[in-house]
Amino acid sequence: MTIYLDNSATTRCFDEVRELMSDIMDRHYGNPSSMHMAGVEAEKYVKNAADTFARLLKANAKEILFTSGGTESDNMALIGCARANQRVGKHIITTKIEHPAVLEPCAYLEKEGFEVTYLDVDEKGCVRPEELLAALRDDTILVSVMYVNNEIGSLQPIAELGSIIKEHDPGTLFHVDAVQGFGKVKINPKKEHIDLLSVSGHKIHGPKGVGVLYINDKVKIQPVIFGGGQQRGLRSGTENVPGIAGMAKAAELLYDDFDENIDKLYELKAYFTGELKQLDGVSVNGIPDICDKADNLYEAVRTTAPHIISASVEGVRAEVLLHALEDKGIYVSSGSACASNKPAISATLKAIGVKRELLDSTIRFSMSVETSREEIDIALEALRELLPRLRKFTRR
């Protein structure tokens, strides 16, 4: 039996998504820019997908741009907006716990003469609103904050942050990396003052290599990919029709039973977290005021994302535990697989104050709507068996 608890790295494609994509590749393979009927049929899938994401985000279809994934969406939002608005100012604000898809473009922009302020976070991994307010300046053109942290599952107060930004200056743009948030949290960009929002297909049971960038129609942005002028000249390149259609189908399926799915995930998270805390030498990161009472624990996990649990294990290196679990058919992560398959010390864990000796002893479990209580119990039993044995071999 394979137990997959690395859904923040990628998810299994829903069966309906795979079937739809196969049908498109087999029967509707025309280029959506072609003028003949095969092209028109392919273009319908792209338009329908834009309508789907517009409906789910309560936006307009013309505000939906399709990309190759979350990384491209983040890069376009940051670099495209910075270049388009640099005459107004060259100051950008982000946080110390962003995904590399945001941090690396920020580093690139610093080389181009932009100034970037990196906000600290609290012990839960959340931005302090007052620190954002203090960092805002007259020349701030862009703020980028992730909706859900990909390592510890912290849930940012996006609506409050958006209000602060717009009250300070309505012209300052607010970008949100929602790669881990979309499908786990109901997002309304207009109400939350979000100008740009990044989404990735393979995090929501869709295919890899496709994503969305929501761009409010009032945003001034420059393309970063040039060519044939597809998608209103904002993102050239032939659209990935099966990928786009499959991603939209996955999003629809997640939203069909959204509340039920999220409640189930929070129940699993509360249960899993409570059981992990009973294990000797195991601590859970990023969840406030955890206590042993089930009701209070459930309330605590509801302040975080529903699918991610970060656990630090005393006396066992993360990589060792990862492979020991893998031998039992249980797949977890020792960090962000989206960043690299090479182990590195997590900036997020440092930022929330995890003890130095636990920085390379932290495992991420991430669930999906397909995760069952039985799978959680099997993973817990494996941990109970493995931890005492692995600690015996730890160098003193």
Protein backbone atom coordinates (compact mmCIF):
# COMPACT_ATOMS: atom_id res chain seq x y z
CA MET A 1 0.00 0.00 0.00
CA THR A 2 1.35 3.41 -0.99
CA ILE A 3 0.52 6.32 1.31
CA TYR A 4 1.18 9.64 -0.35
CA LEU A 5 1.56 12.52 2.11
CA ASP A 6 3.51 14.91 -0.11
CA ASN A 7 0.61 16.69 -1.78
CA SER A 8 2.20 20.11 -1.38
CA ALA A 9 4.90 18.95 -3.78
CA THR A 10 2.37 17.69 -6.31
CA THR A 11 -1.00 15.97 -6.42
CA ARG A 12 -2.39 13.01 -8.34
CA CYS A 13 -4.44 14.04 -11.36
CA PHE A 14 -8.14 13.39 -10.86
CA ASP A 15 -9.40 10.63 -13.14
CA GLU A 16 -11.81 13.03 -14.84
CA VAL A 17 -8.93 15.41 -15.55
CA ARG A 18 -6.80 12.71 -17.14
CA GLU A 19 -9.71 11.50 -19.28
CA LEU A 20 -10.53 15.00 -20.49
CA MET A 21 -6.91 15.74 -21.40
CA SER A 22 -6.57 12.45 -23.24
CA ASP A 23 -9.71 13.19 -25.25
CA ILE A 24 -8.44 16.66 -26.20
CA MET A 25 -5.03 15.35 -27.27
CA ASP A 26 -6.74 12.63 -29.32
CA ARG A 27 -9.64 14.49 -30.94
CA HIS A 28 -9.29 18.27 -30.38
CA TYR A 29 -5.61 18.79 -31.01
CA GLY A 30 -5.87 21.93 -33.17
CA ASN A 31 -3.85 25.07 -32.51
CA PRO A 32 -6.18 27.52 -30.75
CA SER A 33 -4.79 30.36 -32.88
CA SER A 34 -5.74 28.62 -36.14
CA MET A 35 -8.74 29.99 -38.03
CA HIS A 36 -10.15 26.65 -39.16
CA MET A 37 -12.68 24.60 -37.22
CA ALA A 38 -10.04 22.45 -35.48
CA GLY A 39 -8.51 25.63 -34.10
CA VAL A 40 -11.89 27.04 -33.11
CA GLU A 41 -12.73 23.84 -31.19
CA ALA A 42 -9.41 24.01 -29.33
CA GLU A 43 -9.92 27.70 -28.55
CA LYS A 44 -13.27 26.90 -26.91
CA TYR A 45 -11.49 24.89 -24.23
CA VAL A 46 -9.23 27.84 -23.44
CA LYS A 47 -12.16 30.25 -23.27
CA ASN A 48 -14.20 27.87 -21.12
CA ALA A 49 -11.26 27.48 -18.73
CA ALA A 50 -10.91 31.25 -18.43
CA ASP A 51 -14.63 31.46 -17.67
CA THR A 52 -14.24 28.76 -15.01
CA PHE A 53 -11.44 30.51 -13.15
CA ALA A 54 -13.19 33.86 -13.51
CA ARG A 55 -16.30 32.37 -11.92
CA LEU A 56 -14.38 30.74 -9.06
CA LEU A 57 -12.42 33.92 -8.35
CA LYS A 58 -15.42 36.21 -8.96
CA ALA A 59 -13.41 37.97 -11.64
CA ASN A 60 -13.68 38.64 -15.36
CA ALA A 61 -12.46 36.18 -17.97
CA LYS A 62 -10.19 38.84 -19.49
CA GLU A 63 -8.37 38.99 -16.14
CA ILE A 64 -7.27 35.34 -16.42
CA LEU A 65 -3.89 34.63 -18.02
CA PHE A 66 -2.61 31.07 -18.55
CA THR A 67 1.04 30.31 -17.85
CA SER A 68 3.33 27.30 -17.51
CA GLY A 69 2.81 27.17 -13.73
CA GLY A 70 3.21 28.99 -10.44
CA THR A 71 6.83 29.95 -11.04
CA GLU A 72 6.08 31.71 -14.31
CA SER A 73 3.03 33.40 -12.79
CA ASP A 74 5.12 34.74 -9.90
CA ASN A 75 7.91 35.87 -12.21
CA MET A 76 5.55 37.69 -14.53
CA ALA A 77 3.72 39.38 -11.65
CA LEU A 78 6.90 40.64 -10.04
CA ILE A 79 9.13 41.43 -12.98
CA GLY A 80 6.33 42.54 -15.30
CA CYS A 81 4.83 44.93 -12.74
CA ALA A 82 8.17 46.24 -11.49
CA ARG A 83 9.29 47.19 -14.98
CA ALA A 84 5.94 48.66 -15.94
CA ASN A 85 5.69 50.86 -12.84
CA GLN A 86 9.31 51.84 -12.12
CA ARG A 87 8.73 55.48 -13.01
CA VAL A 88 6.40 55.69 -10.00
CA GLY A 89 8.89 54.03 -7.64
CA LYS A 90 11.36 51.19 -7.25
CA HIS A 91 10.50 49.84 -3.81
CA ILE A 92 9.06 46.33 -3.35
CA ILE A 93 7.97 44.56 -0.18
CA THR A 94 7.83 40.80 0.38
CA THR A 95 8.47 38.39 3.27
CA LYS A 96 11.36 36.21 4.38
CA ILE A 97 9.30 33.03 4.00
CA GLU A 98 8.24 33.33 0.37
CA HIS A 99 8.77 30.55 -2.16
CA PRO A 100 11.94 30.88 -4.28
CA ALA A 101 9.64 31.67 -7.23
CA VAL A 102 9.13 35.04 -5.50
CA LEU A 103 12.43 35.48 -3.68
CA GLU A 104 14.60 34.83 -6.75
CA PRO A 105 12.77 37.37 -8.97
CA CYS A 106 13.12 39.86 -6.10
CA ALA A 107 16.86 39.20 -5.99
CA TYR A 108 16.98 39.67 -9.77
CA LEU A 109 15.12 42.96 -9.50
CA GLU A 110 17.55 44.18 -6.84
CA LYS A 111 20.30 43.77 -9.44
CA GLU A 112 18.21 45.93 -11.78
CA GLY A 113 18.18 48.74 -9.22
CA PHE A 114 15.00 48.00 -7.27
CA GLU A 115 15.00 48.03 -3.46
CA VAL A 116 13.32 45.13 -1.69
CA THR A 117 12.19 45.04 1.95
CA TYR A 118 11.87 41.54 3.44
CA LEU A 119 9.37 41.37 6.30
CA ASP A 120 9.83 39.14 9.33
CA VAL A 121 7.04 36.84 10.51
CA ASP A 122 5.79 35.73 13.92
CA GLU A 123 6.17 32.25 15.44
CA LYS A 124 3.19 31.03 13.38
CA GLY A 125 4.82 32.26 10.18
CA CYS A 126 2.39 35.17 9.75
CA VAL A 127 3.14 38.73 8.71
CA ARG A 128 2.47 41.31 11.41
CA PRO A 129 0.16 43.90 9.81
CA GLU A 130 1.77 46.75 11.72
CA GLU A 131 5.17 45.82 10.28
CA LEU A 132 3.79 45.90 6.75
CA LEU A 133 2.30 49.34 7.42
CA ALA A 134 5.63 50.59 8.75
CA ALA A 135 7.45 49.29 5.66
CA LEU A 136 5.17 50.99 3.13
CA ARG A 137 6.64 54.10 1.50
CA ASP A 138 5.61 56.66 -1.07
CA ASP A 139 7.75 54.86 -3.66
CA THR A 140 6.42 51.35 -2.87
CA ILE A 141 5.00 49.97 -6.10
CA LEU A 142 4.43 46.30 -5.24
CA VAL A 143 3.84 44.04 -2.23
CA SER A 144 4.03 40.24 -2.60
CA VAL A 145 2.81 37.92 0.18
CA MET A 146 1.99 34.21 -0.19
CA TYR A 147 -1.50 33.11 0.87
CA VAL A 148 -0.33 29.82 2.43
CA ASN A 149 3.24 28.96 3.31
CA ASN A 150 4.32 25.82 1.48
CA GLU A 151 6.43 24.43 4.35
CA ILE A 152 4.48 25.03 7.56
CA GLY A 153 0.98 25.90 6.32
CA SER A 154 0.74 29.37 7.86
CA LEU A 155 -2.33 31.24 6.60
CA GLN A 156 -1.68 34.92 6.03
CA PRO A 157 -4.27 37.64 6.90
CA ILE A 158 -4.48 38.56 3.23
CA ALA A 159 -7.64 40.69 3.38
CA GLU A 160 -6.24 42.74 6.27
CA LEU A 161 -2.89 43.18 4.53
CA GLY A 162 -4.66 44.18 1.32
CA SER A 163 -6.69 46.82 3.18
CA ILE A 164 -3.55 48.28 4.74
CA ILE A 165 -1.83 48.51 1.36
CA LYS A 166 -4.75 50.19 -0.39
CA GLU A 167 -5.45 52.60 2.47
CA HIS A 168 -1.83 53.70 2.31
CA ASP A 169 -1.85 54.07 -1.48
CA PRO A 170 -4.51 52.63 -3.81
CA GLY A 171 -1.90 52.53 -6.58
CA THR A 172 0.42 50.12 -4.77
CA LEU A 173 -0.04 46.67 -6.32
CA PHE A 174 -0.68 43.57 -4.19
CA HIS A 175 0.49 40.21 -5.53
CA VAL A 176 -0.46 36.98 -3.76
CA ASP A 177 1.18 33.64 -4.45
CA ALA A 178 -1.80 31.33 -3.97
CA VAL A 179 -0.15 28.18 -5.27
CA GLN A 180 -0.76 26.44 -1.93
CA GLY A 181 -3.91 28.40 -1.14
CA PHE A 182 -6.14 27.97 -4.17
CA GLY A 183 -8.53 25.06 -3.64
CA LYS A 184 -7.84 25.10 0.12
CA VAL A 185 -9.16 28.59 0.89
CA LYS A 186 -11.96 30.46 -0.84
CA ILE A 187 -10.31 33.45 -2.46
CA ASN A 188 -12.00 36.62 -3.68
CA PRO A 189 -9.34 38.94 -5.17
CA LYS A 190 -11.63 41.96 -5.42
CA LYS A 191 -12.77 41.76 -1.78
CA GLU A 192 -9.25 41.02 -0.53
CA HIS A 193 -7.68 43.86 -2.54
CA ILE A 194 -5.53 41.43 -4.53
CA ASP A 195 -4.28 42.79 -7.85
CA LEU A 196 -2.39 39.70 -9.03
CA LEU A 197 -2.82 36.05 -7.95
CA SER A 198 -0.72 33.01 -8.89
CA VAL A 199 -2.15 29.48 -9.22
CA SER A 200 -0.53 26.17 -10.26
CA GLY A 201 -2.34 23.25 -11.88
CA HIS A 202 -0.44 20.36 -10.34
CA LYS A 203 -1.19 21.50 -6.78
CA ILE A 204 -4.94 21.09 -7.32
CA HIS A 205 -5.08 17.61 -8.91
CA GLY A 206 -4.50 19.00 -12.36
CA PRO A 207 -1.51 18.50 -14.69
CA LYS A 208 2.01 19.83 -14.30
CA GLY A 209 3.28 22.59 -16.57
CA VAL A 210 0.24 24.86 -16.47
CA GLY A 211 -0.87 27.70 -14.23
CA VAL A 212 -2.92 30.87 -13.91
CA LEU A 213 -2.09 34.48 -13.23
CA TYR A 214 -5.09 36.60 -12.30
CA ILE A 215 -4.38 40.21 -13.29
CA ASN A 216 -6.84 42.90 -12.29
CA ASP A 217 -7.75 44.75 -15.48
CA LYS A 218 -6.48 48.04 -14.01
CA VAL A 219 -2.97 46.70 -13.41
CA LYS A 220 -0.12 48.05 -15.50
CA ILE A 221 2.15 45.11 -16.43
CA GLN A 222 4.67 44.26 -19.12
CA PRO A 223 5.11 40.82 -20.72
CA VAL A 224 8.25 38.84 -19.94
CA ILE A 225 7.77 36.29 -22.75
CA PHE A 226 7.66 37.57 -26.32
CA GLY A 227 6.65 35.93 -29.58
CA GLY A 228 3.42 35.47 -31.50
CA GLY A 229 1.31 37.73 -29.31
CA GLN A 230 -1.08 35.14 -27.89
CA GLN A 231 -3.23 36.02 -24.87
CA ARG A 232 -3.57 39.68 -25.83
CA GLY A 233 0.19 39.99 -26.21
CA LEU A 234 0.78 39.45 -22.49
CA ARG A 235 2.10 35.91 -22.75
CA SER A 236 3.20 34.69 -26.17
CA GLY A 237 3.33 31.00 -27.01
CA THR A 238 0.77 28.45 -28.17
CA GLU A 239 -1.59 27.72 -25.31
CA ASN A 240 -1.36 24.31 -23.64
CA VAL A 241 -4.95 23.41 -24.43
CA PRO A 242 -5.19 19.99 -22.71
CA GLY A 243 -3.31 21.31 -19.69
CA ILE A 244 -5.46 24.42 -19.40
CA ALA A 245 -8.68 22.43 -19.77
CA GLY A 246 -7.49 19.80 -17.30
CA MET A 247 -6.53 22.42 -14.72
CA ALA A 248 -9.94 24.08 -15.03
CA LYS A 249 -11.66 20.71 -14.63
CA ALA A 250 -9.65 20.00 -11.48
CA ALA A 251 -10.59 23.39 -10.05
CA GLU A 252 -14.27 22.74 -10.75
CA LEU A 253 -14.12 19.36 -9.03
CA LEU A 254 -12.47 20.83 -5.95
CA TYR A 255 -15.10 23.54 -5.69
CA ASP A 256 -18.04 21.16 -6.17
CA ASP A 257 -17.76 19.92 -2.57
CA PHE A 258 -15.48 22.64 -1.26
CA ASP A 259 -16.75 23.09 2.29
CA GLU A 260 -17.11 19.35 2.88
CA ASN A 261 -13.59 18.70 1.57
CA ILE A 262 -12.02 21.42 3.70
CA ASP A 263 -13.84 20.35 6.86
CA LYS A 264 -12.59 16.79 6.29
CA LEU A 265 -9.01 18.02 5.87
CA TYR A 266 -9.16 20.09 9.06
CA GLU A 267 -10.52 17.11 10.99
CA LEU A 268 -7.65 14.96 9.70
CA LYS A 269 -5.14 17.69 10.50
CA ALA A 270 -6.41 18.10 14.05
CA TYR A 271 -6.30 14.35 14.60
CA PHE A 272 -2.86 13.91 13.01
CA THR A 273 -1.43 16.89 14.89
CA GLY A 274 -2.76 15.67 18.23
CA GLU A 275 -1.28 12.21 17.69
CA LEU A 276 2.08 13.61 16.58
CA LYS A 277 2.29 15.66 19.76
CA GLN A 278 1.96 12.47 21.79
CA LEU A 279 5.13 11.07 20.23
CA ASP A 280 8.30 11.48 22.26
CA GLY A 281 10.48 14.34 21.04
CA VAL A 282 8.11 15.53 18.31
CA SER A 283 6.92 19.14 18.05
CA VAL A 284 4.55 20.67 15.51
CA ASN A 285 5.45 23.99 13.89
CA GLY A 286 3.28 26.97 13.05
CA ILE A 287 0.13 26.07 15.01
CA PRO A 288 -0.73 28.40 17.91
CA ASP A 289 -1.72 27.44 21.44
CA ILE A 290 -1.87 23.71 20.88
CA CYS A 291 -3.30 21.83 23.83
CA ASP A 292 -4.51 18.31 24.37
CA LYS A 293 -8.23 19.09 24.21
CA ALA A 294 -9.64 18.10 20.84
CA ASP A 295 -11.97 21.10 20.51
CA ASN A 296 -9.22 23.62 21.18
CA LEU A 297 -6.84 21.81 18.86
CA TYR A 298 -9.44 21.86 16.08
CA GLU A 299 -9.87 25.61 16.60
CA ALA A 300 -6.11 26.08 16.47
CA VAL A 301 -5.60 24.21 13.21
CA ARG A 302 -8.47 26.18 11.61
CA THR A 303 -6.23 29.26 11.82
CA THR A 304 -3.79 27.53 9.45
CA ALA A 305 -4.04 25.90 6.04
CA PRO A 306 -5.97 22.60 6.15
CA HIS A 307 -3.47 20.34 4.41
CA ILE A 308 0.08 20.99 5.71
CA ILE A 309 1.72 19.78 8.94
CA SER A 310 5.33 20.55 9.79
CA ALA A 311 6.83 18.35 12.51
CA SER A 312 10.30 18.56 14.05
CA VAL A 313 11.74 15.30 15.38
CA GLU A 314 14.46 15.40 17.99
CA GLY A 315 17.44 13.13 17.36
CA VAL A 316 16.59 12.08 13.80
CA ARG A 317 17.67 13.84 10.62
CA ALA A 318 14.81 14.60 8.25
CA GLU A 319 16.43 12.86 5.29
CA VAL A 320 16.94 9.68 7.31
CA LEU A 321 13.33 9.63 8.49
CA LEU A 322 12.06 10.42 4.98
CA HIS A 323 13.79 7.37 3.50
CA ALA A 324 12.81 5.14 6.41
CA LEU A 325 9.18 6.05 5.80
CA GLU A 326 9.68 5.59 2.07
CA ASP A 327 10.79 2.01 2.72
CA LYS A 328 7.34 1.46 4.20
CA GLY A 329 5.61 3.02 1.19
CA ILE A 330 4.93 6.33 2.93
CA TYR A 331 5.94 9.46 1.04
CA VAL A 332 6.61 12.75 2.84
CA SER A 333 8.92 15.72 2.32
CA SER A 334 11.86 17.19 4.20
CA GLY A 335 11.19 20.62 2.69
CA SER A 336 9.92 22.24 -0.47
CA ALA A 337 10.31 19.90 -3.41
CA CYS A 338 9.32 22.84 -5.60
CA ALA A 339 12.59 24.52 -4.70
CA SER A 340 15.09 21.71 -5.16
CA ASN A 341 15.69 18.05 -4.52
CA LYS A 342 18.84 19.02 -2.64
CA PRO A 343 18.48 19.31 1.13
CA ALA A 344 19.00 22.80 2.53
CA ILE A 345 18.28 24.61 5.78
CA SER A 346 14.83 26.17 5.60
CA ALA A 347 14.62 29.95 5.77
CA THR A 348 11.01 29.57 6.89
CA LEU A 349 11.92 27.43 9.89
CA LYS A 350 14.62 29.92 10.82
CA ALA A 351 12.17 32.79 10.50
CA ILE A 352 9.65 31.27 12.93
CA GLY A 353 12.35 30.50 15.50
CA VAL A 354 12.71 26.73 15.27
CA LYS A 355 15.64 25.58 17.41
CA ARG A 356 18.90 25.24 15.52
CA GLU A 357 19.25 21.54 16.32
CA LEU A 358 15.83 20.87 14.76
CA LEU A 359 16.35 22.73 11.49
CA ASP A 360 17.52 19.62 9.66
CA SER A 361 15.14 17.35 11.60
CA THR A 362 11.83 18.64 10.26
CA ILE A 363 9.39 16.72 8.09
CA ARG A 364 6.45 18.07 6.12
CA PHE A 365 3.29 15.99 5.82
CA SER A 366 0.78 17.31 3.28
CA MET A 367 -2.64 15.85 2.64
CA SER A 368 -5.24 16.11 -0.10
CA VAL A 369 -8.96 15.47 -0.49
CA GLU A 370 -8.01 11.87 -1.29
CA THR A 371 -6.21 11.28 2.04
CA SER A 372 -7.98 8.92 4.44
CA ARG A 373 -7.96 8.45 8.23
CA GLU A 374 -6.66 4.92 7.66
CA GLU A 375 -3.60 6.28 5.84
CA ILE A 376 -2.91 8.71 8.69
CA ASP A 377 -3.12 5.87 11.22
CA ILE A 378 -0.68 3.75 9.22
CA ALA A 379 1.77 6.67 9.01
CA LEU A 380 1.49 7.24 12.76
CA GLU A 381 2.11 3.57 13.49
CA ALA A 382 5.20 3.68 11.28
CA LEU A 383 6.51 6.72 13.18
CA ARG A 384 5.94 5.01 16.53
CA GLU A 385 7.97 2.07 15.30
CA LEU A 386 10.73 3.98 13.52
CA LEU A 387 11.61 6.88 15.83
CA PRO A 388 13.01 4.85 18.77
CA ARG A 389 14.99 2.65 16.37
CA LEU A 390 16.42 5.55 14.35
CA ARG A 391 17.44 7.46 17.50
CA LYS A 392 19.60 4.51 18.56
CA PHE A 393 21.81 5.15 15.55
CA THR A 394 22.04 8.92 16.03
CA ARG A 395 25.57 10.12 16.69
CA ARG A 396 26.03 11.62 20.12
